[in-house]
């Protein structure tokens, strides 16, 4: 709209919002990936065994 009002068009009027849109799409794709639960296998096994022990006690 700014280019239309000034009777000229500059490529930055497309490049800057396009870059922001591209970064938003990349961030959304990265955020949609599931988290890997293999980071702390010993801790997860300990928590699972503790939860199982609490279930049997109660």
Foldseek 3Di string as FASTA:
>chain_A
DVCVVVVHDDCVVVVPVVVVVVVVVVVVVVVPDDDDPPPCVPVVVVVVVVVVVVVVVD
